[in-house]
Amino acid sequence: MEVLRVARRLLLGTAGVVALMVPVVFAGLRSVAAQEPARPAESKQWKFAVVSVRRNNSGGPQHVGVATADRYQMKNLFLGYLLRMAYVPQSGGAAFYSVDQFIGMPAWLIGDDDHYDVDAKVDEADLADWQNPAKQPAMLRSMLQAMLEDRLKLVVHRSTREAPVYLLVVGKNGPKFKETNPGELHPGARPMPGGGTLSREQNDDQVTVHYFGVSIAQLAPFVLGDAGRPIQDRTGLTGKYDVTIQRPVPLAAQPGPASSDPGPSASSVAEQLGLKLEPAKGQVELLVIDHVERPSPN
């Protein structure tokens, strides 16, 4: 399922992941650089009116977090996904933290044995703002942070270190995708975390994925996956775009004996987009987990 694969790619930073691998090595990186509280930039601390966080013991379909007209819901998924949605880098031009930018993430937050259902209702007084597409992303981050701090006793801080990075830049022939037409409809496309939608087509040996209404900073972790180092957006492209990516069908999904399938490299995928990755050194922002607890039942 592409949406589930996207969710795992977001948190684990690996393209085409089918089975979640835990524990993931988030430790091993430490920083003594300047630190700052990881709080939303917005002046108001938004909060959900009612929150239900329940351990999923029944299995069933797994659904990434989806914002509806009056709430936010997630089904049968690891809680670490919510950290990825709640906290975004304040520097470097990326829309999400990569796997190496989380420090101190316990295995249970991303484990297949620790899945949860989340149902969080927005206060009626906040619905007008919540239903405003320009305001909802910041509201959601603030609300998720408040929920994690309350239910998981989460304490985090941001830190920086110098490390190898890739700079995502425009190739010499320009980008190979178009700016989004807001009036164009895409029937059957599914919501993506962070905004935009996607749809996919598959034949015997190739998967084609269409992304609609996404930013370059948002697109990089979805499409480029784990490049081996953080990717910093230097394209200068600030709009919303429609992008199509073609990938071979993962070997594990094809008939016959299973084998390792690293998939296409981040560089080759970038080339499909008319972009390229340039190795460099830069300041990398980290999200350090100082304290977190399993949520109490409710």
Protein backbone atom coordinates (compact mmCIF):
# COMPACT_ATOMS: atom_id res chain seq x y z
CA MET A 1 0.00 0.00 0.00
CA GLU A 2 1.64 3.24 -1.17
CA VAL A 3 0.32 5.44 1.64
CA LEU A 4 1.71 3.09 4.31
CA ARG A 5 5.01 2.86 2.44
CA VAL A 6 5.12 6.66 2.38
CA ALA A 7 4.52 6.83 6.13
CA ARG A 8 7.38 4.45 6.86
CA ARG A 9 9.65 6.25 4.42
CA LEU A 10 8.90 9.49 6.21
CA LEU A 11 10.01 8.18 9.58
CA LEU A 12 12.70 5.68 8.64
CA GLY A 13 14.11 7.51 5.65
CA THR A 14 14.19 4.40 3.43
CA ALA A 15 12.57 4.17 0.01
CA GLY A 16 10.28 1.28 -0.79
CA VAL A 17 10.16 -0.18 2.71
CA VAL A 18 7.59 -2.96 2.99
CA ALA A 19 8.28 -4.35 6.46
CA LEU A 20 9.14 -2.02 9.33
CA MET A 21 12.56 -2.77 10.78
CA VAL A 22 13.12 -2.17 14.50
CA PRO A 23 14.97 -1.24 16.46
CA VAL A 24 16.20 1.61 14.29
CA VAL A 25 19.54 3.12 15.21
CA PHE A 26 18.70 6.70 16.11
CA ALA A 27 21.45 6.97 18.72
CA GLY A 28 25.13 7.45 17.97
CA LEU A 29 24.83 11.11 17.08
CA ARG A 30 25.40 13.70 19.78
CA SER A 31 25.82 17.45 19.68
CA VAL A 32 27.33 20.03 21.96
CA ALA A 33 26.16 22.92 19.80
CA ALA A 34 23.61 25.56 20.73
CA GLN A 35 20.24 24.23 21.82
CA GLU A 36 16.79 25.78 21.70
CA PRO A 37 13.34 24.67 22.84
CA ALA A 38 11.44 22.82 20.10
CA ARG A 39 8.28 24.91 20.28
CA PRO A 40 6.08 26.06 17.42
CA ALA A 41 6.84 29.47 15.97
CA GLU A 42 3.17 30.45 16.25
CA SER A 43 2.24 32.74 19.11
CA LYS A 44 -0.76 30.63 20.12
CA GLN A 45 -0.48 27.12 21.54
CA TRP A 46 -3.32 25.28 19.84
CA LYS A 47 -4.78 22.20 21.52
CA PHE A 48 -7.27 19.50 20.59
CA ALA A 49 -10.48 19.62 22.62
CA VAL A 50 -10.69 15.83 23.13
CA VAL A 51 -7.95 13.25 22.51
CA SER A 52 -8.16 9.45 22.44
CA VAL A 53 -4.91 7.46 22.21
CA ARG A 54 -5.57 3.72 22.40
CA ARG A 55 -3.33 0.71 21.91
CA ASN A 56 -4.42 -1.19 18.80
CA ASN A 57 -4.85 -4.87 19.63
CA SER A 58 -7.13 -5.81 16.75
CA GLY A 59 -4.87 -5.20 13.77
CA GLY A 60 -6.65 -4.26 10.59
CA PRO A 61 -5.76 -1.65 7.99
CA GLN A 62 -3.07 0.88 8.81
CA HIS A 63 -3.85 4.52 8.05
CA VAL A 64 -1.48 7.48 8.31
CA GLY A 65 -2.76 10.56 10.09
CA VAL A 66 -5.52 12.33 8.21
CA ALA A 67 -7.08 15.71 8.99
CA THR A 68 -10.86 15.75 8.51
CA ALA A 69 -13.30 18.64 8.83
CA ASP A 70 -13.26 18.52 12.63
CA ARG A 71 -10.53 16.14 13.82
CA TYR A 72 -7.26 14.28 13.23
CA GLN A 73 -7.23 10.49 13.05
CA MET A 74 -4.58 7.79 12.78
CA LYS A 75 -5.20 4.05 12.72
CA ASN A 76 -2.97 1.11 13.71
CA LEU A 77 0.34 2.91 13.36
CA PHE A 78 3.44 3.60 15.48
CA LEU A 79 3.43 6.81 17.53
CA GLY A 80 6.82 7.89 16.24
CA TYR A 81 5.03 8.93 13.06
CA LEU A 82 3.33 11.70 15.03
CA LEU A 83 6.69 13.14 16.09
CA ARG A 84 7.61 13.45 12.43
CA MET A 85 4.39 15.37 11.79
CA ALA A 86 4.58 17.53 14.92
CA TYR A 87 8.17 18.80 14.68
CA VAL A 88 9.72 20.18 11.51
CA PRO A 89 13.20 21.61 10.96
CA GLN A 90 13.56 25.35 11.46
CA SER A 91 16.66 25.47 9.26
CA GLY A 92 18.06 23.72 6.18
CA GLY A 93 15.01 24.04 3.96
CA ALA A 94 13.64 20.53 4.65
CA ALA A 95 9.99 19.83 5.45
CA PHE A 96 10.72 16.80 7.65
CA TYR A 97 13.52 15.50 9.82
CA SER A 98 15.46 12.60 8.29
CA VAL A 99 16.12 9.42 10.27
CA ASP A 100 19.58 10.57 11.34
CA GLN A 101 18.20 13.82 12.72
CA PHE A 102 16.30 12.08 15.56
CA ILE A 103 18.37 11.46 18.67
CA GLY A 104 17.19 9.18 21.49
CA MET A 105 14.15 7.67 19.75
CA PRO A 106 13.17 4.52 21.73
CA ALA A 107 12.37 1.39 19.71
CA TRP A 108 8.80 1.15 21.02
CA LEU A 109 7.90 4.44 19.34
CA ILE A 110 8.42 2.84 15.93
CA GLY A 111 7.78 -0.82 16.69
CA ASP A 112 5.31 -3.11 14.97
CA ASP A 113 4.32 -4.42 18.41
CA ASP A 114 3.30 -0.94 19.59
CA HIS A 115 0.63 0.36 17.26
CA TYR A 116 -2.01 2.87 18.30
CA ASP A 117 -5.26 4.45 17.17
CA VAL A 118 -5.53 8.22 17.61
CA ASP A 119 -8.74 10.22 17.43
CA ALA A 120 -8.32 13.91 18.28
CA LYS A 121 -11.25 16.33 18.03
CA VAL A 122 -10.84 20.03 17.28
CA ASP A 123 -12.63 22.52 19.54
CA GLU A 124 -15.71 24.04 17.90
CA ALA A 125 -14.30 27.53 18.54
CA ASP A 126 -11.26 26.64 16.40
CA LEU A 127 -13.06 24.97 13.49
CA ALA A 128 -13.04 28.04 11.23
CA ASP A 129 -9.25 28.30 11.51
CA TRP A 130 -8.83 24.52 11.25
CA GLN A 131 -10.78 24.42 8.00
CA ASN A 132 -8.61 27.18 6.51
CA PRO A 133 -5.94 25.40 4.39
CA ALA A 134 -3.48 28.23 5.03
CA LYS A 135 -3.75 27.87 8.82
CA GLN A 136 -4.27 24.14 9.33
CA PRO A 137 -0.64 22.89 8.94
CA ALA A 138 0.68 25.18 11.71
CA MET A 139 -2.35 24.42 13.87
CA LEU A 140 -1.85 20.70 13.46
CA ARG A 141 1.80 20.85 14.44
CA SER A 142 0.96 22.87 17.54
CA MET A 143 -1.90 20.55 18.49
CA LEU A 144 0.19 17.41 18.00
CA GLN A 145 3.00 18.86 20.10
CA ALA A 146 0.56 19.66 22.92
CA MET A 147 -0.93 16.16 22.67
CA LEU A 148 2.49 14.45 22.77
CA GLU A 149 3.61 16.57 25.70
CA ASP A 150 0.43 15.74 27.61
CA ARG A 151 -0.08 12.06 26.78
CA LEU A 152 3.53 10.88 26.28
CA LYS A 153 5.17 13.40 28.66
CA LEU A 154 7.41 14.24 25.72
CA VAL A 155 10.31 16.64 26.25
CA VAL A 156 12.53 17.55 23.30
CA HIS A 157 15.03 20.16 22.25
CA ARG A 158 16.71 21.12 19.01
CA SER A 159 20.44 21.04 18.45
CA THR A 160 22.79 21.45 15.48
CA ARG A 161 25.99 19.85 14.26
CA GLU A 162 28.16 20.09 11.15
CA ALA A 163 27.82 17.00 9.00
CA PRO A 164 27.89 15.79 5.38
CA VAL A 165 24.74 16.80 3.48
CA TYR A 166 23.40 16.81 -0.04
CA LEU A 167 22.29 20.09 -1.57
CA LEU A 168 19.27 19.62 -3.83
CA VAL A 169 19.68 21.99 -6.79
CA VAL A 170 18.12 22.47 -10.22
CA GLY A 171 19.89 20.62 -13.08
CA LYS A 172 21.31 22.43 -16.09
CA ASN A 173 18.21 21.74 -18.22
CA GLY A 174 15.74 22.89 -15.60
CA PRO A 175 13.02 21.05 -13.65
CA LYS A 176 10.97 18.34 -15.37
CA PHE A 177 7.65 19.00 -13.65
CA LYS A 178 4.97 21.66 -13.70
CA GLU A 179 3.54 24.08 -11.19
CA THR A 180 0.22 22.98 -9.71
CA ASN A 181 -3.01 24.29 -11.19
CA PRO A 182 -5.26 24.68 -8.10
CA GLY A 183 -8.39 24.24 -10.21
CA GLU A 184 -7.32 20.89 -11.66
CA LEU A 185 -9.01 17.87 -10.06
CA HIS A 186 -7.37 14.48 -9.51
CA PRO A 187 -10.11 11.90 -8.85
CA GLY A 188 -8.95 8.98 -6.73
CA ALA A 189 -5.82 10.71 -5.43
CA ARG A 190 -5.16 10.20 -1.72
CA PRO A 191 -4.01 12.77 0.85
CA MET A 192 -0.33 12.98 1.71
CA PRO A 193 0.97 13.91 5.17
CA GLY A 194 1.92 17.56 5.09
CA GLY A 195 -0.44 18.43 2.23
CA GLY A 196 -0.96 17.49 -1.39
CA THR A 197 -2.20 14.19 -2.79
CA LEU A 198 -0.83 11.18 -4.64
CA SER A 199 -2.00 8.40 -6.91
CA ARG A 200 -0.19 5.38 -8.30
CA GLU A 201 -0.31 3.02 -11.26
CA GLN A 202 1.45 -0.31 -11.59
CA ASN A 203 2.16 -2.68 -14.46
CA ASP A 204 4.25 -5.83 -14.45
CA ASP A 205 7.62 -4.22 -13.79
CA GLN A 206 7.07 -0.52 -13.12
CA VAL A 207 5.27 1.70 -10.61
CA THR A 208 4.31 5.25 -11.56
CA VAL A 209 3.50 7.62 -8.70
CA HIS A 210 1.89 11.02 -9.27
CA TYR A 211 2.26 13.71 -6.60
CA PHE A 212 -0.05 16.73 -6.81
CA GLY A 213 0.27 20.06 -5.02
CA VAL A 214 3.50 19.39 -3.14
CA SER A 215 6.47 21.59 -2.27
CA ILE A 216 10.03 20.63 -3.10
CA ALA A 217 10.99 20.61 0.58
CA GLN A 218 8.07 18.30 1.30
CA LEU A 219 8.71 16.11 -1.72
CA ALA A 220 12.38 15.33 -1.04
CA PRO A 221 11.89 12.87 1.87
CA PHE A 222 8.98 11.14 0.08
CA VAL A 223 10.63 10.71 -3.29
CA LEU A 224 14.37 10.65 -2.63
CA GLY A 225 14.10 8.52 0.50
CA ASP A 226 17.30 7.68 2.35
CA ALA A 227 20.16 9.34 0.49
CA GLY A 228 22.66 8.44 3.20
CA ARG A 229 22.85 12.03 4.49
CA PRO A 230 20.35 14.86 5.06
CA ILE A 231 19.09 16.67 1.96
CA GLN A 232 18.90 20.46 2.04
CA ASP A 233 16.73 22.22 -0.51
CA ARG A 234 18.65 24.77 -2.55
CA THR A 235 16.46 24.73 -5.66
CA GLY A 236 14.89 28.13 -5.01
CA LEU A 237 11.57 26.62 -6.11
CA THR A 238 8.99 27.88 -3.62
CA GLY A 239 5.66 26.93 -5.21
CA LYS A 240 3.49 23.83 -5.28
CA TYR A 241 4.14 21.30 -8.03
CA ASP A 242 2.80 18.21 -9.79
CA VAL A 243 5.51 15.57 -10.06
CA THR A 244 5.58 12.09 -11.60
CA ILE A 245 8.13 9.46 -10.61
CA GLN A 246 8.63 6.04 -12.20
CA ARG A 247 10.23 3.21 -10.26
CA PRO A 248 10.75 -0.49 -10.94
CA VAL A 249 8.44 -2.74 -8.97
CA PRO A 250 10.33 -3.83 -5.80
CA LEU A 251 11.72 -7.34 -6.20
CA ALA A 252 9.97 -8.44 -3.00
CA ALA A 253 6.64 -7.66 -4.67
CA GLN A 254 7.43 -9.72 -7.78
CA PRO A 255 6.82 -13.45 -8.14
CA GLY A 256 9.74 -15.73 -7.31
CA PRO A 257 12.33 -15.87 -4.53
CA ALA A 258 12.66 -12.70 -2.46
CA SER A 259 15.94 -10.85 -2.68
CA SER A 260 17.40 -7.58 -1.50
CA ASP A 261 16.16 -4.59 -3.46
CA PRO A 262 17.81 -1.25 -2.73
CA GLY A 263 15.68 0.40 -5.39
CA PRO A 264 16.78 3.36 -7.49
CA SER A 265 19.36 5.69 -5.98
CA ALA A 266 18.37 9.11 -4.70
CA SER A 267 20.56 10.68 -7.40
CA SER A 268 18.81 8.81 -10.23
CA VAL A 269 15.40 9.79 -8.89
CA ALA A 270 16.50 13.42 -8.64
CA GLU A 271 17.60 13.25 -12.27
CA GLN A 272 14.07 12.19 -13.27
CA LEU A 273 12.91 15.50 -11.81
CA GLY A 274 15.56 17.60 -13.56
CA LEU A 275 17.30 18.09 -10.21
CA LYS A 276 20.60 16.90 -8.82
CA LEU A 277 22.28 16.22 -5.49
CA GLU A 278 25.57 17.95 -4.73
CA PRO A 279 27.66 16.66 -1.79
CA ALA A 280 28.62 19.30 0.73
CA LYS A 281 29.05 19.97 4.43
CA GLY A 282 26.50 21.97 6.36
CA GLN A 283 24.80 22.62 9.66
CA VAL A 284 22.30 19.84 10.36
CA GLU A 285 19.47 20.38 12.80
CA LEU A 286 18.70 17.54 15.22
CA LEU A 287 15.64 16.79 17.32
CA VAL A 288 16.78 15.33 20.65
CA ILE A 289 14.28 13.36 22.74
CA ASP A 290 15.04 14.08 26.38
CA HIS A 291 12.08 12.18 27.87
CA VAL A 292 9.11 10.18 26.60
CA GLU A 293 6.70 7.68 28.17
CA ARG A 294 4.19 5.21 26.79
CA PRO A 295 0.73 6.81 26.80
CA SER A 296 -1.60 5.91 29.64
CA PRO A 297 -4.86 4.17 28.61
CA ASN A 298 -7.97 6.28 28.12
